[in-house]
Amino acid sequence: MMRNTIQRNIVLQTIQRLKSHPTADEVYDEIKTMYPNISRATVYRNLNVLSSLGEIRKLEIPGGPDRFDHWCENHCHVRCEKCGKLFDVDMNFIDGLDKKIKDNHGFTFNGYQIIFKGICPSCQKK
């Protein structure tokens, strides 16, 4: 059984408070303002532990840094092509989509994430 540490709780609370799909660096920068002695390695390690425990979701972003989500239920995202920020999409998740794939390459599918592309309202104004 894994110990629940103070640092892990700080990282989890930060992800829950931010609700912005932050990168590991953004989480570290946020925590560092209140806990200047915390190391980057501690934050990174605890992000990975929390993700492996299913308490947060790690989103692997092609061509960009991984992001972390406080909402662990299956849902879709949209990534702004200008600023790179990630947002939740208001739509029902398509359960079982991986079961409908016709595979000719011998893959065993373990899941999927859907990330739409677009331009966020803030970037549209610029």
N, C-alpha and C. Protein backbone atom coordinates (compact mmCIF):
# COMPACT_ATOMS: atom_id res chain seq x y z
N MET A 1 0.85 -1.19 0.00
CA MET A 1 0.00 0.00 0.00
C MET A 1 0.89 1.25 0.00
N MET A 2 0.50 2.23 -0.80
CA MET A 2 1.30 3.44 -0.95
C MET A 2 0.88 4.49 0.08
N ARG A 3 1.88 5.14 0.67
CA ARG A 3 1.59 6.21 1.62
C ARG A 3 1.00 7.41 0.90
N ASN A 4 0.09 8.08 1.58
CA ASN A 4 -0.44 9.33 1.07
C ASN A 4 0.38 10.45 1.69
N THR A 5 1.17 11.13 0.90
CA THR A 5 2.09 12.13 1.44
C THR A 5 1.50 13.53 1.35
N ILE A 6 2.08 14.42 2.13
CA ILE A 6 1.66 15.83 2.10
C ILE A 6 1.90 16.40 0.71
N GLN A 7 3.04 16.08 0.10
CA GLN A 7 3.35 16.60 -1.24
C GLN A 7 2.33 16.11 -2.26
N ARG A 8 1.93 14.85 -2.16
CA ARG A 8 0.94 14.32 -3.10
C ARG A 8 -0.38 15.06 -2.95
N ASN A 9 -0.76 15.34 -1.72
CA ASN A 9 -2.00 16.09 -1.49
C ASN A 9 -1.91 17.50 -2.05
N ILE A 10 -0.76 18.13 -1.92
CA ILE A 10 -0.57 19.48 -2.46
C ILE A 10 -0.71 19.45 -3.98
N VAL A 11 -0.09 18.47 -4.62
CA VAL A 11 -0.18 18.36 -6.08
C VAL A 11 -1.63 18.10 -6.51
N LEU A 12 -2.31 17.19 -5.85
CA LEU A 12 -3.71 16.89 -6.18
C LEU A 12 -4.59 18.12 -6.00
N GLN A 13 -4.45 18.81 -4.90
CA GLN A 13 -5.26 20.00 -4.65
C GLN A 13 -4.99 21.09 -5.69
N THR A 14 -3.75 21.19 -6.13
CA THR A 14 -3.40 22.19 -7.14
C THR A 14 -4.07 21.86 -8.47
N ILE A 15 -4.03 20.60 -8.88
CA ILE A 15 -4.70 20.18 -10.12
C ILE A 15 -6.20 20.45 -10.02
N GLN A 16 -6.80 20.12 -8.90
CA GLN A 16 -8.24 20.33 -8.71
C GLN A 16 -8.59 21.81 -8.71
N ARG A 17 -7.72 22.63 -8.16
CA ARG A 17 -7.98 24.07 -8.10
C ARG A 17 -7.81 24.73 -9.47
N LEU A 18 -6.78 24.33 -10.20
CA LEU A 18 -6.49 24.96 -11.49
C LEU A 18 -7.56 24.66 -12.53
N LYS A 19 -8.00 23.42 -12.62
CA LYS A 19 -9.03 22.99 -13.58
C LYS A 19 -8.74 23.45 -15.02
N SER A 20 -7.46 23.59 -15.37
CA SER A 20 -7.12 24.16 -16.67
C SER A 20 -6.28 23.23 -17.53
N HIS A 21 -6.21 21.95 -17.17
CA HIS A 21 -5.37 21.00 -17.91
C HIS A 21 -3.93 21.48 -17.95
N PRO A 22 -3.34 21.76 -16.78
CA PRO A 22 -1.98 22.31 -16.76
C PRO A 22 -0.93 21.29 -17.14
N THR A 23 0.21 21.81 -17.58
CA THR A 23 1.39 20.98 -17.80
C THR A 23 2.07 20.75 -16.44
N ALA A 24 3.02 19.85 -16.41
CA ALA A 24 3.77 19.61 -15.17
C ALA A 24 4.49 20.88 -14.73
N ASP A 25 5.05 21.61 -15.69
CA ASP A 25 5.74 22.86 -15.35
C ASP A 25 4.78 23.89 -14.75
N GLU A 26 3.58 23.97 -15.28
CA GLU A 26 2.58 24.91 -14.75
C GLU A 26 2.17 24.53 -13.33
N VAL A 27 2.02 23.24 -13.08
CA VAL A 27 1.70 22.77 -11.73
C VAL A 27 2.84 23.12 -10.79
N TYR A 28 4.06 22.85 -11.21
CA TYR A 28 5.23 23.16 -10.39
C TYR A 28 5.30 24.66 -10.09
N ASP A 29 5.14 25.49 -11.11
CA ASP A 29 5.20 26.95 -10.92
C ASP A 29 4.13 27.43 -9.94
N GLU A 30 2.96 26.86 -10.01
CA GLU A 30 1.87 27.23 -9.09
C GLU A 30 2.20 26.82 -7.66
N ILE A 31 2.68 25.61 -7.49
CA ILE A 31 3.00 25.11 -6.14
C ILE A 31 4.18 25.88 -5.56
N LYS A 32 5.16 26.18 -6.38
CA LYS A 32 6.39 26.86 -5.93
C LYS A 32 6.08 28.21 -5.28
N THR A 33 5.00 28.88 -5.69
CA THR A 33 4.67 30.17 -5.10
C THR A 33 4.29 30.04 -3.63
N MET A 34 3.69 28.91 -3.26
CA MET A 34 3.27 28.71 -1.87
C MET A 34 4.25 27.84 -1.09
N TYR A 35 4.96 26.97 -1.79
CA TYR A 35 5.91 26.05 -1.15
C TYR A 35 7.24 26.14 -1.89
N PRO A 36 8.02 27.19 -1.61
CA PRO A 36 9.25 27.43 -2.39
C PRO A 36 10.32 26.35 -2.28
N ASN A 37 10.24 25.50 -1.27
CA ASN A 37 11.26 24.46 -1.11
C ASN A 37 10.92 23.15 -1.82
N ILE A 38 9.74 23.05 -2.43
CA ILE A 38 9.37 21.81 -3.11
C ILE A 38 10.19 21.70 -4.40
N SER A 39 10.63 20.50 -4.71
CA SER A 39 11.44 20.32 -5.91
C SER A 39 10.57 19.96 -7.11
N ARG A 40 11.11 20.27 -8.27
CA ARG A 40 10.43 19.93 -9.53
C ARG A 40 10.24 18.41 -9.62
N ALA A 41 11.27 17.65 -9.22
CA ALA A 41 11.19 16.19 -9.27
C ALA A 41 10.06 15.66 -8.39
N THR A 42 9.85 16.26 -7.23
CA THR A 42 8.77 15.83 -6.34
C THR A 42 7.42 16.05 -7.00
N VAL A 43 7.24 17.20 -7.62
CA VAL A 43 5.97 17.50 -8.30
C VAL A 43 5.76 16.52 -9.45
N TYR A 44 6.77 16.33 -10.29
CA TYR A 44 6.66 15.42 -11.43
C TYR A 44 6.35 14.00 -10.98
N ARG A 45 7.07 13.53 -9.97
CA ARG A 45 6.86 12.17 -9.47
C ARG A 45 5.43 12.01 -8.96
N ASN A 46 4.93 12.99 -8.22
CA ASN A 46 3.59 12.89 -7.66
C ASN A 46 2.51 13.02 -8.73
N LEU A 47 2.75 13.78 -9.78
CA LEU A 47 1.80 13.82 -10.90
C LEU A 47 1.67 12.42 -11.51
N ASN A 48 2.80 11.75 -11.69
CA ASN A 48 2.77 10.41 -12.28
C ASN A 48 2.12 9.40 -11.34
N VAL A 49 2.38 9.51 -10.04
CA VAL A 49 1.75 8.61 -9.07
C VAL A 49 0.24 8.83 -9.05
N LEU A 50 -0.18 10.09 -8.98
CA LEU A 50 -1.62 10.39 -8.96
C LEU A 50 -2.31 9.89 -10.23
N SER A 51 -1.62 10.02 -11.34
CA SER A 51 -2.16 9.53 -12.60
C SER A 51 -2.28 8.02 -12.60
N SER A 52 -1.27 7.33 -12.11
CA SER A 52 -1.31 5.86 -12.08
C SER A 52 -2.36 5.35 -11.10
N LEU A 53 -2.67 6.13 -10.07
CA LEU A 53 -3.70 5.75 -9.10
C LEU A 53 -5.11 6.10 -9.59
N GLY A 54 -5.20 6.84 -10.69
CA GLY A 54 -6.50 7.22 -11.23
C GLY A 54 -7.14 8.41 -10.53
N GLU A 55 -6.35 9.16 -9.77
CA GLU A 55 -6.88 10.32 -9.07
C GLU A 55 -6.88 11.57 -9.94
N ILE A 56 -6.02 11.58 -10.96
CA ILE A 56 -6.01 12.60 -11.99
C ILE A 56 -5.79 11.86 -13.31
N ARG A 57 -6.00 12.54 -14.41
CA ARG A 57 -5.79 11.93 -15.72
C ARG A 57 -4.64 12.63 -16.43
N LYS A 58 -3.71 11.82 -16.92
CA LYS A 58 -2.60 12.33 -17.72
C LYS A 58 -3.01 12.31 -19.18
N LEU A 59 -2.91 13.45 -19.83
CA LEU A 59 -3.27 13.56 -21.24
C LEU A 59 -2.00 13.72 -22.05
N GLU A 60 -1.70 12.74 -22.88
CA GLU A 60 -0.52 12.80 -23.73
C GLU A 60 -0.89 13.57 -25.00
N ILE A 61 -0.24 14.70 -25.20
CA ILE A 61 -0.57 15.60 -26.29
C ILE A 61 0.48 15.47 -27.39
N PRO A 62 0.09 14.99 -28.58
CA PRO A 62 1.07 14.89 -29.67
C PRO A 62 1.66 16.27 -29.99
N GLY A 63 2.98 16.33 -30.03
CA GLY A 63 3.66 17.58 -30.36
C GLY A 63 3.68 18.60 -29.24
N GLY A 64 3.29 18.20 -28.05
CA GLY A 64 3.28 19.14 -26.92
C GLY A 64 3.50 18.41 -25.61
N PRO A 65 3.61 19.17 -24.53
CA PRO A 65 3.83 18.53 -23.24
C PRO A 65 2.58 17.82 -22.73
N ASP A 66 2.76 16.79 -21.92
CA ASP A 66 1.63 16.14 -21.28
C ASP A 66 0.89 17.16 -20.43
N ARG A 67 -0.40 16.96 -20.30
CA ARG A 67 -1.23 17.81 -19.46
C ARG A 67 -1.97 16.93 -18.47
N PHE A 68 -2.46 17.54 -17.41
CA PHE A 68 -3.11 16.79 -16.35
C PHE A 68 -4.51 17.35 -16.10
N ASP A 69 -5.45 16.43 -15.92
CA ASP A 69 -6.87 16.78 -15.81
C ASP A 69 -7.40 16.32 -14.47
N HIS A 70 -8.16 17.18 -13.82
CA HIS A 70 -8.78 16.82 -12.54
C HIS A 70 -10.00 15.93 -12.73
N TRP A 71 -10.59 15.95 -13.92
CA TRP A 71 -11.81 15.21 -14.22
C TRP A 71 -11.41 13.88 -14.84
N CYS A 72 -11.64 12.79 -14.12
CA CYS A 72 -11.14 11.48 -14.55
C CYS A 72 -12.14 10.67 -15.38
N GLU A 73 -13.37 11.12 -15.46
CA GLU A 73 -14.33 10.40 -16.31
C GLU A 73 -13.95 10.59 -17.77
N ASN A 74 -14.31 9.62 -18.61
CA ASN A 74 -14.02 9.74 -20.04
C ASN A 74 -14.74 10.95 -20.63
N HIS A 75 -14.00 11.79 -21.30
CA HIS A 75 -14.56 12.95 -21.99
C HIS A 75 -13.58 13.41 -23.06
N CYS A 76 -14.06 14.25 -23.95
CA CYS A 76 -13.25 14.74 -25.07
C CYS A 76 -12.72 16.13 -24.77
N HIS A 77 -11.71 16.52 -25.54
CA HIS A 77 -11.07 17.82 -25.37
C HIS A 77 -10.92 18.51 -26.71
N VAL A 78 -10.67 19.81 -26.66
CA VAL A 78 -10.30 20.58 -27.83
C VAL A 78 -9.05 21.36 -27.47
N ARG A 79 -8.10 21.38 -28.40
CA ARG A 79 -6.84 22.09 -28.20
C ARG A 79 -6.78 23.29 -29.13
N CYS A 80 -6.51 24.45 -28.57
CA CYS A 80 -6.40 25.66 -29.39
C CYS A 80 -5.11 25.59 -30.21
N GLU A 81 -5.25 25.78 -31.51
CA GLU A 81 -4.10 25.71 -32.40
C GLU A 81 -3.18 26.93 -32.28
N LYS A 82 -3.66 27.99 -31.65
CA LYS A 82 -2.85 29.20 -31.49
C LYS A 82 -2.08 29.20 -30.17
N CYS A 83 -2.78 29.04 -29.04
CA CYS A 83 -2.13 29.15 -27.73
C CYS A 83 -1.79 27.79 -27.11
N GLY A 84 -2.34 26.70 -27.65
CA GLY A 84 -2.04 25.37 -27.15
C GLY A 84 -2.83 24.94 -25.93
N LYS A 85 -3.70 25.82 -25.40
CA LYS A 85 -4.49 25.45 -24.22
C LYS A 85 -5.49 24.35 -24.57
N LEU A 86 -5.85 23.58 -23.55
CA LEU A 86 -6.76 22.44 -23.71
C LEU A 86 -8.03 22.73 -22.95
N PHE A 87 -9.17 22.40 -23.55
CA PHE A 87 -10.47 22.65 -22.94
C PHE A 87 -11.31 21.38 -23.04
N ASP A 88 -12.25 21.21 -22.09
CA ASP A 88 -13.21 20.11 -22.17
C ASP A 88 -14.23 20.42 -23.26
N VAL A 89 -14.73 19.36 -23.90
CA VAL A 89 -15.77 19.50 -24.93
C VAL A 89 -17.08 18.99 -24.35
N ASP A 90 -18.14 19.74 -24.55
CA ASP A 90 -19.46 19.34 -24.06
C ASP A 90 -20.12 18.41 -25.08
N MET A 91 -19.87 17.14 -24.91
CA MET A 91 -20.51 16.12 -25.75
C MET A 91 -20.43 14.79 -25.02
N ASN A 92 -21.29 13.89 -25.35
CA ASN A 92 -21.24 12.56 -24.77
C ASN A 92 -20.03 11.82 -25.32
N PHE A 93 -19.33 11.13 -24.42
CA PHE A 93 -18.19 10.33 -24.83
C PHE A 93 -18.70 9.12 -25.60
N ILE A 94 -17.99 8.70 -26.62
CA ILE A 94 -18.39 7.59 -27.46
C ILE A 94 -17.79 6.31 -26.89
N ASP A 95 -18.53 5.66 -26.01
CA ASP A 95 -18.05 4.43 -25.40
C ASP A 95 -17.92 3.32 -26.44
N GLY A 96 -16.88 2.53 -26.34
CA GLY A 96 -16.70 1.37 -27.21
C GLY A 96 -16.20 1.68 -28.60
N LEU A 97 -15.77 2.91 -28.84
CA LEU A 97 -15.28 3.27 -30.17
C LEU A 97 -14.10 2.39 -30.58
N ASP A 98 -13.24 2.06 -29.61
CA ASP A 98 -12.07 1.22 -29.93
C ASP A 98 -12.47 -0.19 -30.34
N LYS A 99 -13.66 -0.64 -29.99
CA LYS A 99 -14.14 -1.98 -30.38
C LYS A 99 -14.61 -2.00 -31.83
N LYS A 100 -14.84 -0.82 -32.41
CA LYS A 100 -15.35 -0.73 -33.78
C LYS A 100 -14.25 -0.58 -34.83
N ILE A 101 -13.01 -0.54 -34.38
CA ILE A 101 -11.88 -0.36 -35.29
C ILE A 101 -11.61 -1.67 -36.03
N LYS A 102 -11.48 -1.57 -37.33
CA LYS A 102 -11.07 -2.71 -38.14
C LYS A 102 -9.55 -2.64 -38.23
N ASP A 103 -8.88 -3.55 -37.55
CA ASP A 103 -7.43 -3.49 -37.45
C ASP A 103 -6.79 -4.55 -38.35
N ASN A 104 -5.91 -4.10 -39.22
CA ASN A 104 -5.18 -4.99 -40.11
C ASN A 104 -3.71 -5.12 -39.70
N HIS A 105 -3.34 -4.59 -38.54
CA HIS A 105 -1.94 -4.54 -38.14
C HIS A 105 -1.63 -5.32 -36.86
N GLY A 106 -2.63 -5.99 -36.28
CA GLY A 106 -2.39 -6.82 -35.11
C GLY A 106 -2.36 -6.10 -33.78
N PHE A 107 -2.88 -4.88 -33.73
CA PHE A 107 -2.90 -4.12 -32.48
C PHE A 107 -3.90 -4.69 -31.49
N THR A 108 -3.59 -4.54 -30.22
CA THR A 108 -4.56 -4.70 -29.14
C THR A 108 -4.80 -3.29 -28.62
N PHE A 109 -6.01 -2.80 -28.74
CA PHE A 109 -6.31 -1.43 -28.35
C PHE A 109 -6.62 -1.37 -26.86
N ASN A 110 -6.02 -0.39 -26.19
CA ASN A 110 -6.16 -0.24 -24.74
C ASN A 110 -6.97 0.99 -24.34
N GLY A 111 -7.48 1.72 -25.29
CA GLY A 111 -8.26 2.92 -25.00
C GLY A 111 -7.97 3.99 -26.03
N TYR A 112 -8.53 5.15 -25.79
CA TYR A 112 -8.36 6.25 -26.73
C TYR A 112 -8.73 7.56 -26.06
N GLN A 113 -8.23 8.62 -26.64
CA GLN A 113 -8.65 9.96 -26.25
C GLN A 113 -8.90 10.74 -27.52
N ILE A 114 -9.92 11.55 -27.48
CA ILE A 114 -10.26 12.36 -28.64
C ILE A 114 -9.95 13.81 -28.32
N ILE A 115 -9.09 14.41 -29.15
CA ILE A 115 -8.75 15.82 -28.99
C ILE A 115 -9.04 16.52 -30.31
N PHE A 116 -10.04 17.38 -30.28
CA PHE A 116 -10.39 18.18 -31.44
C PHE A 116 -9.42 19.35 -31.54
N LYS A 117 -9.33 19.95 -32.72
CA LYS A 117 -8.51 21.14 -32.93
C LYS A 117 -9.42 22.31 -33.22
N GLY A 118 -9.02 23.50 -32.77
CA GLY A 118 -9.80 24.70 -33.03
C GLY A 118 -9.03 25.92 -32.54
N ILE A 119 -9.72 27.04 -32.51
CA ILE A 119 -9.13 28.29 -32.01
C ILE A 119 -10.05 28.79 -30.91
N CYS A 120 -9.48 28.99 -29.71
CA CYS A 120 -10.29 29.39 -28.54
C CYS A 120 -10.79 30.83 -28.70
N PRO A 121 -11.81 31.18 -27.94
CA PRO A 121 -12.36 32.54 -28.03
C PRO A 121 -11.33 33.65 -27.78
N SER A 122 -10.41 33.46 -26.83
CA SER A 122 -9.40 34.48 -26.56
C SER A 122 -8.51 34.70 -27.78
N CYS A 123 -8.09 33.63 -28.42
CA CYS A 123 -7.23 33.77 -29.60
C CYS A 123 -7.99 34.32 -30.80
N GLN A 124 -9.29 34.05 -30.88
CA GLN A 124 -10.09 34.58 -31.97
C GLN A 124 -10.17 36.12 -31.90
N LYS A 125 -10.13 36.64 -30.68
CA LYS A 125 -10.22 38.10 -30.48
C LYS A 125 -8.93 38.81 -30.86
N LYS A 126 -7.81 38.07 -30.85
CA LYS A 126 -6.50 38.71 -31.12
C LYS A 126 -6.31 39.01 -32.59
